[in-house]
Each structure stands twice: as C-alpha cells, then as structure tokens.
C-alpha cells in the first residue's frame, strides 16, 4: 500500500509529534488548509526545552525537502535522502521533539486568498513592553510575522488585509491605540515572492 501524505498545519505540531507523526508505515493525515499565523508559544515552555541536538547532513536534507513540500510522504522523503522509512520517521520525530520543526503549513498566494493589501509595519514601543505588545499583535487579524529588532524601530510586523481601508483601520484604530506603541510606520508591499529552498 503506498504511503499517504504528511499532514501539515500548526495544529498537529501543537499537539505533539506523537499525534502529528504516527509511524513509518502509517499515513500522517490528509492535507488541509492551515493558518499562516504561527501559534504563540509560552516563553516558559521554550526555556524549559533541552538544547537541540546537532544536525547532520541527512537532517538538513530532510528539512530542505519538508520545507519545499510539507505534504511529502515518509517513503518519498526517505528515498530522496537514502535512508529507511523508519530512520526518516525517527529523525522527523526528533526534529519535532527538539523544536527544530515547529509545524507544517501551506504557502499561500495572499492576493488570491482575498488579501488585497499587505504591509510591513514598524513600531517604536515603550521600553520593556515587548512581551505585552507581542501578545496583542498576535491577536490582530491578518498578522503573519512579528519580530523584535534592533535599529531605528523596535518591532517589525507583517500583515495581510482585504484592502487598504482595512489596513488603515488596523493601523490607526487598533495598533496605534495600544499604550505600548509610541509610533508606527507603514510600508505597503507592492509585490512579494516566496523563496524556494536551495538545492
């Protein structure tokens, strides 16, 4: 019986590798659409994890293949990195356990998905307010990526909204109302390209 395809989605990763990956011979679940927004991970849990184990060449090949196609079957991945299915399964489970793989998700064409406006928003925030503002930004509709950065501003936020009116409301009504936010700057995205993993 041919292998089924891997499930992809942050929900499976959040439940743990035992539910996300069943075994070298079993299906990993049917593909389904997932949110582009990562689930928040409590700092305490991240700090409690043991250090990730060193990666070898096979691990890196697995990561490259799964990044290119999170729906690839265990069999096809194992064949392409020249290991047994049991070995590939064990390695993927270890990468999940170590937090190297945080989940599987779909690459989405934002415009075709109904998001006609995308923007990077830079924020200057009150000192020592990163944790509280991060929680609020994660709840915003269309928030796709949040980073604490150095330089002329403190936070970089990527958002996708249905149109520029929704983007304006998000910035002026929601983000600028947060007491932690001192100022914002909005950079409209005219065109974007997802980079494919290298060979």
N, C-alpha and C. Protein backbone atom coordinates (compact mmCIF):
# COMPACT_ATOMS: atom_id res chain seq x y z
N UNK A 1 0.85 -1.20 0.00
CA UNK A 1 0.00 0.00 0.00
C UNK A 1 0.89 1.24 0.00
N UNK A 2 0.66 2.17 -0.91
CA UNK A 2 1.52 3.35 -0.95
C UNK A 2 1.33 4.20 0.28
N UNK A 3 2.41 4.90 0.62
CA UNK A 3 2.34 5.81 1.77
C UNK A 3 1.36 6.93 1.50
N UNK A 4 0.70 7.39 2.54
CA UNK A 4 -0.14 8.57 2.43
C UNK A 4 0.73 9.80 2.60
N UNK A 5 0.13 10.96 2.43
CA UNK A 5 0.91 12.18 2.51
C UNK A 5 0.92 12.72 3.93
N UNK A 6 1.97 13.54 4.22
CA UNK A 6 2.11 14.14 5.54
C UNK A 6 1.03 15.16 5.78
N UNK A 7 0.56 15.22 6.99
CA UNK A 7 -0.32 16.31 7.39
C UNK A 7 0.52 17.56 7.56
N UNK A 8 -0.07 18.70 7.29
CA UNK A 8 0.64 19.95 7.53
C UNK A 8 -0.28 20.88 8.26
N UNK A 9 0.27 21.60 9.24
CA UNK A 9 -0.53 22.55 10.00
C UNK A 9 -0.01 22.71 11.39
N UNK A 10 -0.12 23.91 11.91
CA UNK A 10 0.39 24.19 13.24
C UNK A 10 -0.39 23.45 14.30
N UNK A 11 -1.64 23.03 14.00
CA UNK A 11 -2.43 22.32 15.00
C UNK A 11 -1.77 21.01 15.37
N UNK A 12 -1.27 20.25 14.36
CA UNK A 12 -0.64 18.99 14.63
C UNK A 12 0.63 19.19 15.44
N UNK A 13 1.42 20.23 15.08
CA UNK A 13 2.66 20.47 15.80
C UNK A 13 2.38 20.83 17.24
N UNK A 14 1.31 21.56 17.48
CA UNK A 14 0.99 21.98 18.84
C UNK A 14 0.57 20.79 19.69
N UNK A 15 -0.04 19.75 19.05
CA UNK A 15 -0.48 18.59 19.80
C UNK A 15 0.68 17.68 20.17
N UNK A 16 1.79 17.81 19.48
CA UNK A 16 2.95 16.98 19.79
C UNK A 16 3.21 16.00 18.68
N UNK A 17 4.47 15.55 18.57
CA UNK A 17 4.85 14.67 17.48
C UNK A 17 4.15 13.33 17.51
N UNK A 18 3.70 12.87 18.67
CA UNK A 18 3.04 11.57 18.73
C UNK A 18 1.75 11.58 17.93
N UNK A 19 1.08 12.74 17.86
CA UNK A 19 -0.15 12.82 17.10
C UNK A 19 0.12 13.29 15.68
N UNK A 20 1.18 14.07 15.49
CA UNK A 20 1.47 14.59 14.16
C UNK A 20 2.07 13.51 13.26
N UNK A 21 2.85 12.60 13.84
CA UNK A 21 3.50 11.55 13.08
C UNK A 21 3.16 10.23 13.73
N UNK A 22 2.54 9.30 12.98
CA UNK A 22 2.05 8.06 13.57
C UNK A 22 3.04 6.92 13.46
N UNK A 23 3.79 6.87 12.41
CA UNK A 23 4.72 5.76 12.25
C UNK A 23 5.23 5.70 10.84
N UNK A 24 6.31 4.94 10.60
CA UNK A 24 6.92 4.90 9.28
C UNK A 24 6.03 4.30 8.22
N UNK A 25 5.06 3.45 8.62
CA UNK A 25 4.21 2.81 7.63
C UNK A 25 2.84 3.46 7.54
N UNK A 26 2.52 4.38 8.47
CA UNK A 26 1.17 4.91 8.55
C UNK A 26 1.05 6.26 7.87
N UNK A 27 -0.17 6.59 7.54
CA UNK A 27 -0.44 7.91 6.96
C UNK A 27 -0.28 8.96 8.03
N UNK A 28 0.15 10.12 7.60
CA UNK A 28 0.29 11.23 8.53
C UNK A 28 -0.89 12.17 8.44
N UNK A 29 -1.97 11.75 7.77
CA UNK A 29 -3.19 12.54 7.76
C UNK A 29 -3.39 13.24 6.43
N UNK A 30 -4.65 13.59 6.11
CA UNK A 30 -4.93 14.26 4.86
C UNK A 30 -4.50 15.71 4.90
N UNK A 31 -4.09 16.27 3.76
CA UNK A 31 -3.71 17.68 3.76
C UNK A 31 -4.91 18.56 4.03
N UNK A 32 -4.69 19.66 4.71
CA UNK A 32 -5.75 20.63 4.95
C UNK A 32 -5.16 22.02 5.03
N UNK A 33 -6.00 23.01 4.74
CA UNK A 33 -5.56 24.41 4.76
C UNK A 33 -5.28 24.82 6.20
N UNK A 34 -4.21 25.55 6.42
CA UNK A 34 -3.88 26.00 7.75
C UNK A 34 -3.69 27.49 7.78
N UNK A 35 -3.70 28.03 8.96
CA UNK A 35 -3.49 29.47 9.13
C UNK A 35 -2.05 29.80 8.84
N UNK A 36 -1.82 30.98 8.27
CA UNK A 36 -0.46 31.42 8.03
C UNK A 36 0.17 31.98 9.28
N UNK A 37 -0.64 32.14 10.35
CA UNK A 37 -0.12 32.73 11.57
C UNK A 37 0.29 31.62 12.52
N UNK A 38 1.52 31.69 13.03
CA UNK A 38 2.02 30.67 13.95
C UNK A 38 1.33 30.80 15.29
N UNK A 39 1.14 29.66 15.94
CA UNK A 39 0.56 29.67 17.28
C UNK A 39 1.57 30.24 18.25
N UNK A 40 1.13 31.07 19.21
CA UNK A 40 2.07 31.60 20.20
C UNK A 40 2.60 30.49 21.08
N UNK A 41 3.88 30.57 21.45
CA UNK A 41 4.48 29.58 22.32
C UNK A 41 4.91 30.28 23.60
N UNK A 42 4.41 29.83 24.75
CA UNK A 42 4.77 30.48 26.00
C UNK A 42 6.28 30.46 26.22
N UNK A 43 6.83 31.57 26.75
CA UNK A 43 8.27 31.66 26.98
C UNK A 43 8.75 30.57 27.92
N UNK A 44 7.93 30.25 28.94
CA UNK A 44 8.35 29.25 29.93
C UNK A 44 8.58 27.91 29.27
N UNK A 45 7.70 27.54 28.33
CA UNK A 45 7.85 26.26 27.66
C UNK A 45 9.11 26.26 26.80
N UNK A 46 9.35 27.37 26.08
CA UNK A 46 10.53 27.45 25.22
C UNK A 46 11.80 27.35 26.06
N UNK A 47 11.83 28.01 27.25
CA UNK A 47 13.01 27.99 28.09
C UNK A 47 13.22 26.61 28.71
N UNK A 48 12.14 25.84 28.90
CA UNK A 48 12.24 24.55 29.57
C UNK A 48 12.75 23.45 28.64
N UNK A 49 12.73 23.70 27.35
CA UNK A 49 13.15 22.65 26.41
C UNK A 49 14.64 22.41 26.49
N UNK A 50 15.08 21.16 26.34
CA UNK A 50 16.52 20.90 26.31
C UNK A 50 17.12 21.48 25.03
N UNK A 51 18.43 21.71 25.01
CA UNK A 51 19.07 22.23 23.80
C UNK A 51 18.87 21.27 22.62
N UNK A 52 18.71 21.83 21.44
CA UNK A 52 18.56 21.00 20.24
C UNK A 52 19.85 20.24 19.97
N UNK A 53 19.69 18.99 19.53
CA UNK A 53 20.86 18.20 19.21
C UNK A 53 21.45 18.64 17.87
N UNK A 54 22.76 18.43 17.67
CA UNK A 54 23.38 18.86 16.40
C UNK A 54 22.74 18.16 15.21
N UNK A 55 22.66 18.87 14.09
CA UNK A 55 22.09 18.32 12.87
C UNK A 55 23.20 17.80 11.97
N UNK A 56 22.95 16.67 11.34
CA UNK A 56 23.91 16.17 10.35
C UNK A 56 23.37 16.44 8.95
N UNK A 57 24.08 15.96 7.95
CA UNK A 57 23.71 16.25 6.55
C UNK A 57 22.34 15.68 6.21
N UNK A 58 22.01 14.51 6.74
CA UNK A 58 20.71 13.91 6.45
C UNK A 58 19.59 14.73 7.06
N UNK A 59 19.79 15.19 8.29
CA UNK A 59 18.79 16.05 8.93
C UNK A 59 18.54 17.31 8.07
N UNK A 60 19.61 17.90 7.60
CA UNK A 60 19.46 19.13 6.81
C UNK A 60 18.76 18.85 5.48
N UNK A 61 19.03 17.70 4.88
CA UNK A 61 18.33 17.33 3.66
C UNK A 61 16.84 17.12 3.92
N UNK A 62 16.52 16.49 5.06
CA UNK A 62 15.11 16.31 5.42
C UNK A 62 14.41 17.65 5.58
N UNK A 63 15.07 18.57 6.26
CA UNK A 63 14.47 19.90 6.46
C UNK A 63 14.25 20.60 5.13
N UNK A 64 15.21 20.49 4.23
CA UNK A 64 15.08 21.14 2.92
C UNK A 64 13.90 20.55 2.14
N UNK A 65 13.76 19.24 2.15
CA UNK A 65 12.67 18.59 1.43
C UNK A 65 11.32 18.92 2.03
N UNK A 66 11.23 18.92 3.35
CA UNK A 66 9.95 19.22 4.01
C UNK A 66 9.57 20.68 3.86
N UNK A 67 10.56 21.55 3.81
CA UNK A 67 10.26 22.96 3.58
C UNK A 67 9.70 23.16 2.17
N UNK A 68 10.24 22.41 1.21
CA UNK A 68 9.76 22.52 -0.17
C UNK A 68 8.38 21.89 -0.33
N UNK A 69 8.12 20.80 0.41
CA UNK A 69 6.84 20.11 0.28
C UNK A 69 6.50 19.44 1.61
N UNK A 70 5.73 20.15 2.44
CA UNK A 70 5.34 19.61 3.73
C UNK A 70 4.37 18.46 3.63
N UNK A 71 3.83 18.18 2.42
CA UNK A 71 2.90 17.07 2.22
C UNK A 71 3.60 15.82 1.69
N UNK A 72 4.92 15.86 1.57
CA UNK A 72 5.65 14.71 1.04
C UNK A 72 5.46 13.50 1.96
N UNK A 73 5.39 12.32 1.38
CA UNK A 73 5.23 11.10 2.17
C UNK A 73 6.55 10.71 2.81
N UNK A 74 6.45 9.93 3.88
CA UNK A 74 7.66 9.41 4.53
C UNK A 74 8.49 8.61 3.53
N UNK A 75 7.80 7.80 2.71
CA UNK A 75 8.53 6.96 1.74
C UNK A 75 9.33 7.82 0.77
N UNK A 76 8.71 8.84 0.19
CA UNK A 76 9.42 9.65 -0.81
C UNK A 76 10.57 10.41 -0.18
N UNK A 77 10.35 10.93 1.03
CA UNK A 77 11.43 11.67 1.70
C UNK A 77 12.58 10.73 2.02
N UNK A 78 12.26 9.54 2.55
CA UNK A 78 13.31 8.58 2.89
C UNK A 78 14.12 8.18 1.67
N UNK A 79 13.44 7.94 0.55
CA UNK A 79 14.14 7.55 -0.68
C UNK A 79 15.07 8.65 -1.16
N UNK A 80 14.63 9.89 -1.05
CA UNK A 80 15.43 11.00 -1.58
C UNK A 80 16.64 11.31 -0.72
N UNK A 81 16.62 10.95 0.58
CA UNK A 81 17.80 11.17 1.42
C UNK A 81 18.56 9.86 1.67
N UNK A 82 18.08 8.76 1.04
CA UNK A 82 18.77 7.47 1.06
C UNK A 82 18.86 6.87 2.47
N UNK A 83 17.71 6.89 3.18
CA UNK A 83 17.62 6.19 4.46
C UNK A 83 16.33 5.38 4.47
N UNK A 84 16.19 4.50 5.45
CA UNK A 84 14.96 3.72 5.55
C UNK A 84 13.81 4.61 6.01
N UNK A 85 12.59 4.13 5.81
CA UNK A 85 11.43 4.89 6.27
C UNK A 85 11.43 5.02 7.79
N UNK A 86 11.84 3.96 8.48
CA UNK A 86 11.90 4.01 9.95
C UNK A 86 12.90 5.06 10.41
N UNK A 87 14.04 5.14 9.72
CA UNK A 87 15.06 6.13 10.06
C UNK A 87 14.53 7.55 9.82
N UNK A 88 13.89 7.76 8.66
CA UNK A 88 13.34 9.08 8.34
C UNK A 88 12.28 9.48 9.36
N UNK A 89 11.41 8.53 9.71
CA UNK A 89 10.36 8.79 10.69
C UNK A 89 10.96 9.19 12.04
N UNK A 90 11.99 8.45 12.48
CA UNK A 90 12.62 8.74 13.78
C UNK A 90 13.29 10.10 13.76
N UNK A 91 13.94 10.42 12.65
CA UNK A 91 14.62 11.72 12.56
C UNK A 91 13.61 12.87 12.57
N UNK A 92 12.51 12.73 11.83
CA UNK A 92 11.50 13.78 11.81
C UNK A 92 10.89 13.96 13.19
N UNK A 93 10.63 12.85 13.88
CA UNK A 93 10.12 12.93 15.25
C UNK A 93 11.10 13.65 16.17
N UNK A 94 12.39 13.36 16.01
CA UNK A 94 13.41 14.02 16.83
C UNK A 94 13.45 15.52 16.53
N UNK A 95 13.35 15.88 15.26
CA UNK A 95 13.35 17.30 14.88
C UNK A 95 12.13 18.02 15.44
N UNK A 96 11.00 17.31 15.52
CA UNK A 96 9.81 17.88 16.15
C UNK A 96 10.00 18.01 17.65
N UNK A 97 10.52 16.96 18.29
CA UNK A 97 10.75 16.98 19.73
C UNK A 97 11.70 18.11 20.12
N UNK A 98 12.73 18.33 19.32
CA UNK A 98 13.73 19.36 19.62
C UNK A 98 13.25 20.76 19.27
N UNK A 99 12.09 20.86 18.62
CA UNK A 99 11.60 22.17 18.24
C UNK A 99 12.26 22.74 17.01
N UNK A 100 13.05 21.93 16.30
CA UNK A 100 13.65 22.41 15.04
C UNK A 100 12.54 22.59 14.00
N UNK A 101 11.66 21.59 13.89
CA UNK A 101 10.46 21.72 13.07
C UNK A 101 9.34 22.18 14.00
N UNK A 102 8.79 23.35 13.71
CA UNK A 102 7.73 23.91 14.56
C UNK A 102 6.35 23.58 14.04
N UNK A 103 6.26 23.05 12.83
CA UNK A 103 4.97 22.70 12.26
C UNK A 103 5.06 22.69 10.75
N UNK A 104 3.95 22.34 10.11
CA UNK A 104 3.86 22.29 8.66
C UNK A 104 2.74 23.22 8.23
N UNK A 105 2.97 23.98 7.18
CA UNK A 105 1.95 24.94 6.74
C UNK A 105 1.98 25.10 5.23
N UNK A 106 0.91 25.68 4.70
CA UNK A 106 0.82 25.92 3.26
C UNK A 106 1.39 27.29 2.91
N UNK A 107 2.03 27.39 1.75
CA UNK A 107 2.43 28.69 1.22
C UNK A 107 1.23 29.24 0.47
N UNK A 108 0.80 30.43 0.82
CA UNK A 108 -0.46 30.97 0.32
C UNK A 108 -0.21 32.18 -0.57
N UNK A 109 -0.91 32.23 -1.70
CA UNK A 109 -0.94 33.43 -2.52
C UNK A 109 -1.94 34.37 -1.85
N UNK A 110 -1.44 35.40 -1.19
CA UNK A 110 -2.29 36.25 -0.36
C UNK A 110 -3.36 36.96 -1.19
N UNK A 111 -3.02 37.41 -2.37
CA UNK A 111 -3.99 38.13 -3.19
C UNK A 111 -5.14 37.22 -3.60
N UNK A 112 -4.80 36.00 -4.03
CA UNK A 112 -5.85 35.06 -4.44
C UNK A 112 -6.65 34.56 -3.24
N UNK A 113 -6.09 34.68 -2.05
CA UNK A 113 -6.79 34.28 -0.84
C UNK A 113 -7.66 35.41 -0.28
N UNK A 114 -7.75 36.51 -1.03
CA UNK A 114 -8.62 37.59 -0.60
C UNK A 114 -7.95 38.69 0.17
N UNK A 115 -6.61 38.66 0.22
CA UNK A 115 -5.87 39.71 0.91
C UNK A 115 -5.26 40.65 -0.13
N UNK A 116 -5.97 41.72 -0.44
CA UNK A 116 -5.52 42.62 -1.49
C UNK A 116 -4.47 43.61 -1.05
N UNK A 117 -4.22 43.72 0.26
CA UNK A 117 -3.22 44.67 0.76
C UNK A 117 -2.34 43.98 1.79
N UNK A 118 -1.04 44.10 1.59
CA UNK A 118 -0.07 43.58 2.55
C UNK A 118 0.88 44.71 2.90
N UNK A 119 1.39 44.69 4.13
CA UNK A 119 2.29 45.76 4.57
C UNK A 119 3.19 45.27 5.68
N UNK A 120 4.40 45.85 5.70
CA UNK A 120 5.26 45.73 6.86
C UNK A 120 5.04 46.99 7.68
N UNK A 121 4.80 46.81 8.97
CA UNK A 121 4.56 47.94 9.86
C UNK A 121 5.68 47.95 10.89
N UNK A 122 6.38 49.08 10.98
CA UNK A 122 7.41 49.22 12.00
C UNK A 122 6.82 49.95 13.20
N UNK A 123 7.20 49.52 14.39
CA UNK A 123 6.68 50.11 15.61
C UNK A 123 7.82 50.50 16.54
N UNK A 124 7.70 51.68 17.11
CA UNK A 124 8.52 52.05 18.26
C UNK A 124 7.65 51.83 19.49
N UNK A 125 8.20 51.13 20.49
CA UNK A 125 7.39 50.77 21.64
C UNK A 125 8.03 51.25 22.94
N UNK A 126 7.22 51.28 23.97
CA UNK A 126 7.70 51.64 25.30
C UNK A 126 8.73 50.59 25.75
N UNK A 127 9.77 51.05 26.41
CA UNK A 127 10.83 50.15 26.86
C UNK A 127 10.24 49.06 27.76
N UNK A 128 10.73 47.84 27.56
CA UNK A 128 10.34 46.67 28.35
C UNK A 128 8.87 46.27 28.16
N UNK A 129 8.27 46.66 27.02
CA UNK A 129 6.87 46.28 26.78
C UNK A 129 6.74 45.21 25.70
N UNK A 130 7.85 44.59 25.29
CA UNK A 130 7.84 43.64 24.18
C UNK A 130 6.87 42.49 24.41
N UNK A 131 6.88 41.88 25.58
CA UNK A 131 6.04 40.70 25.81
C UNK A 131 4.55 41.05 25.74
N UNK A 132 4.17 42.17 26.32
CA UNK A 132 2.75 42.53 26.31
C UNK A 132 2.30 42.95 24.92
N UNK A 133 3.13 43.69 24.18
CA UNK A 133 2.72 44.12 22.84
C UNK A 133 2.73 42.93 21.89
N UNK A 134 3.64 41.98 22.08
CA UNK A 134 3.65 40.79 21.22
C UNK A 134 2.34 40.02 21.34
N UNK A 135 1.83 39.86 22.56
CA UNK A 135 0.57 39.16 22.75
C UNK A 135 -0.57 39.86 22.03
N UNK A 136 -0.59 41.19 22.07
CA UNK A 136 -1.66 41.94 21.41
C UNK A 136 -1.53 41.86 19.88
N UNK A 137 -0.31 41.96 19.38
CA UNK A 137 -0.11 41.90 17.93
C UNK A 137 -0.47 40.53 17.37
N UNK A 138 -0.22 39.47 18.13
CA UNK A 138 -0.56 38.13 17.67
C UNK A 138 -2.05 37.95 17.46
N UNK A 139 -2.85 38.72 18.17
CA UNK A 139 -4.30 38.60 18.06
C UNK A 139 -4.89 39.41 16.91
N UNK A 140 -4.08 40.24 16.26
CA UNK A 140 -4.60 41.07 15.18
C UNK A 140 -4.99 40.23 13.97
N UNK A 141 -6.10 40.55 13.31
CA UNK A 141 -6.46 39.82 12.09
C UNK A 141 -5.44 40.08 10.99
N UNK A 142 -4.96 39.02 10.37
CA UNK A 142 -4.02 39.16 9.26
C UNK A 142 -2.57 39.26 9.67
N UNK A 143 -2.26 39.25 10.97
CA UNK A 143 -0.86 39.30 11.40
C UNK A 143 -0.16 38.01 10.97
N UNK A 144 0.96 38.16 10.27
CA UNK A 144 1.64 36.99 9.72
C UNK A 144 3.02 36.75 10.32
N UNK A 145 3.68 37.82 10.74
CA UNK A 145 5.05 37.67 11.27
C UNK A 145 5.34 38.85 12.17
N UNK A 146 5.97 38.56 13.31
CA UNK A 146 6.33 39.60 14.28
C UNK A 146 7.78 39.37 14.68
N UNK A 147 8.57 40.44 14.70
CA UNK A 147 9.97 40.31 15.10
C UNK A 147 10.38 41.51 15.96
N UNK A 148 11.13 41.23 17.02
CA UNK A 148 11.78 42.27 17.81
C UNK A 148 13.13 42.51 17.17
N UNK A 149 13.42 43.74 16.79
CA UNK A 149 14.63 44.03 16.01
C UNK A 149 15.41 45.18 16.63
N UNK A 150 16.62 45.36 16.14
CA UNK A 150 17.44 46.49 16.56
C UNK A 150 17.38 47.57 15.49
N UNK A 151 17.81 48.77 15.84
CA UNK A 151 17.85 49.84 14.85
C UNK A 151 16.94 50.99 15.22
N UNK A 152 16.38 51.66 14.19
CA UNK A 152 15.58 52.86 14.39
C UNK A 152 14.19 52.57 14.93
N UNK A 153 13.74 51.33 14.86
CA UNK A 153 12.45 50.95 15.43
C UNK A 153 12.62 49.64 16.18
N UNK A 154 11.59 49.22 16.89
CA UNK A 154 11.72 48.08 17.81
C UNK A 154 11.07 46.80 17.30
N UNK A 155 9.94 46.94 16.60
CA UNK A 155 9.17 45.78 16.18
C UNK A 155 8.86 45.88 14.70
N UNK A 156 8.96 44.75 14.01
CA UNK A 156 8.58 44.65 12.60
C UNK A 156 7.41 43.67 12.51
N UNK A 157 6.31 44.14 11.93
CA UNK A 157 5.08 43.34 11.84
C UNK A 157 4.67 43.24 10.38
N UNK A 158 4.41 42.01 9.92
CA UNK A 158 3.88 41.79 8.57
C UNK A 158 2.39 41.46 8.69
N UNK A 159 1.55 42.18 7.94
CA UNK A 159 0.11 41.93 7.98
C UNK A 159 -0.44 41.78 6.56
N UNK A 160 -1.52 41.01 6.44
CA UNK A 160 -2.26 40.86 5.20
C UNK A 160 -3.71 41.22 5.48
N UNK A 161 -4.28 42.14 4.71
CA UNK A 161 -5.65 42.59 4.93
C UNK A 161 -6.42 42.55 3.61
N UNK A 162 -7.76 42.57 3.69
CA UNK A 162 -8.54 42.50 2.45
C UNK A 162 -8.30 43.68 1.50
N UNK A 163 -8.08 44.88 2.04
CA UNK A 163 -7.87 46.06 1.20
C UNK A 163 -7.20 47.15 2.02
N UNK A 164 -6.91 48.28 1.39
CA UNK A 164 -6.20 49.36 2.08
C UNK A 164 -7.05 50.02 3.16
N UNK A 165 -8.37 49.99 3.00
CA UNK A 165 -9.22 50.53 4.06
C UNK A 165 -9.08 49.70 5.34
N UNK A 166 -9.09 48.38 5.18
CA UNK A 166 -8.91 47.50 6.34
C UNK A 166 -7.52 47.68 6.95
N UNK A 167 -6.53 47.89 6.09
CA UNK A 167 -5.17 48.13 6.57
C UNK A 167 -5.11 49.43 7.37
N UNK A 168 -5.73 50.48 6.85
CA UNK A 168 -5.75 51.76 7.55
C UNK A 168 -6.41 51.63 8.92
N UNK A 169 -7.54 50.94 8.96
CA UNK A 169 -8.24 50.75 10.23
C UNK A 169 -7.39 49.94 11.21
N UNK A 170 -6.70 48.94 10.69
CA UNK A 170 -5.85 48.11 11.55
C UNK A 170 -4.77 48.95 12.21
N UNK A 171 -4.14 49.82 11.42
CA UNK A 171 -3.04 50.63 11.94
C UNK A 171 -3.56 51.75 12.83
N UNK A 172 -4.51 52.54 12.32
CA UNK A 172 -4.95 53.74 13.04
C UNK A 172 -5.86 53.43 14.22
N UNK A 173 -6.72 52.43 14.07
CA UNK A 173 -7.70 52.15 15.11
C UNK A 173 -7.20 51.13 16.12
N UNK A 174 -6.50 50.11 15.64
CA UNK A 174 -6.09 49.04 16.55
C UNK A 174 -4.67 49.26 17.08
N UNK A 175 -3.71 49.26 16.18
CA UNK A 175 -2.31 49.26 16.63
C UNK A 175 -1.95 50.54 17.37
N UNK A 176 -2.34 51.69 16.81
CA UNK A 176 -1.97 52.95 17.45
C UNK A 176 -2.72 53.21 18.75
N UNK A 177 -3.74 52.40 19.05
CA UNK A 177 -4.46 52.55 20.32
C UNK A 177 -3.78 51.79 21.45
N UNK A 178 -2.81 50.92 21.13
CA UNK A 178 -2.12 50.18 22.18
C UNK A 178 -1.22 51.13 22.97
N UNK A 179 -1.31 51.16 24.29
CA UNK A 179 -0.48 52.10 25.07
C UNK A 179 1.01 51.84 24.94
N UNK A 180 1.41 50.61 24.57
CA UNK A 180 2.83 50.30 24.42
C UNK A 180 3.44 50.91 23.16
N UNK A 181 2.59 51.32 22.20
CA UNK A 181 3.07 51.79 20.90
C UNK A 181 3.29 53.30 20.92
N UNK A 182 4.51 53.73 20.64
CA UNK A 182 4.84 55.15 20.60
C UNK A 182 4.63 55.74 19.21
N UNK A 183 4.99 54.97 18.17
CA UNK A 183 4.80 55.43 16.80
C UNK A 183 4.84 54.25 15.85
N UNK A 184 4.30 54.45 14.64
CA UNK A 184 4.30 53.39 13.62
C UNK A 184 4.68 54.00 12.28
N UNK A 185 5.13 53.13 11.40
CA UNK A 185 5.34 53.49 10.00
C UNK A 185 4.89 52.30 9.16
N UNK A 186 4.11 52.57 8.13
CA UNK A 186 3.54 51.51 7.31
C UNK A 186 4.21 51.47 5.95
N UNK A 187 4.71 50.30 5.56
CA UNK A 187 5.38 50.10 4.27
C UNK A 187 4.52 49.15 3.45
N UNK A 188 3.84 49.68 2.42
CA UNK A 188 3.00 48.83 1.58
C UNK A 188 3.84 47.86 0.76
N UNK A 189 3.36 46.64 0.62
CA UNK A 189 4.03 45.65 -0.21
C UNK A 189 3.37 45.67 -1.59
N UNK A 190 4.13 46.00 -2.62
CA UNK A 190 3.60 46.02 -3.99
C UNK A 190 3.64 44.65 -4.63
N UNK A 191 4.66 43.88 -4.30
CA UNK A 191 4.80 42.53 -4.87
C UNK A 191 5.69 41.73 -3.94
N UNK A 192 5.42 40.44 -3.80
CA UNK A 192 6.25 39.59 -2.95
C UNK A 192 6.44 38.23 -3.61
N UNK A 193 7.54 37.60 -3.26
CA UNK A 193 7.88 36.29 -3.80
C UNK A 193 8.39 35.40 -2.68
N UNK A 194 7.77 34.24 -2.51
CA UNK A 194 8.30 33.25 -1.55
C UNK A 194 9.52 32.59 -2.17
N UNK A 195 10.62 32.59 -1.43
CA UNK A 195 11.84 31.97 -1.93
C UNK A 195 11.79 30.47 -1.70
N UNK A 196 12.13 29.73 -2.73
CA UNK A 196 12.16 28.28 -2.62
C UNK A 196 13.46 27.86 -1.93
N UNK A 197 13.44 26.75 -1.17
CA UNK A 197 14.68 26.27 -0.55
C UNK A 197 15.71 25.91 -1.59
N UNK A 198 16.96 26.13 -1.25
CA UNK A 198 18.05 25.86 -2.18
C UNK A 198 18.23 24.37 -2.41
N UNK A 199 19.07 24.00 -3.39
CA UNK A 199 19.30 22.59 -3.70
C UNK A 199 20.06 21.89 -2.58
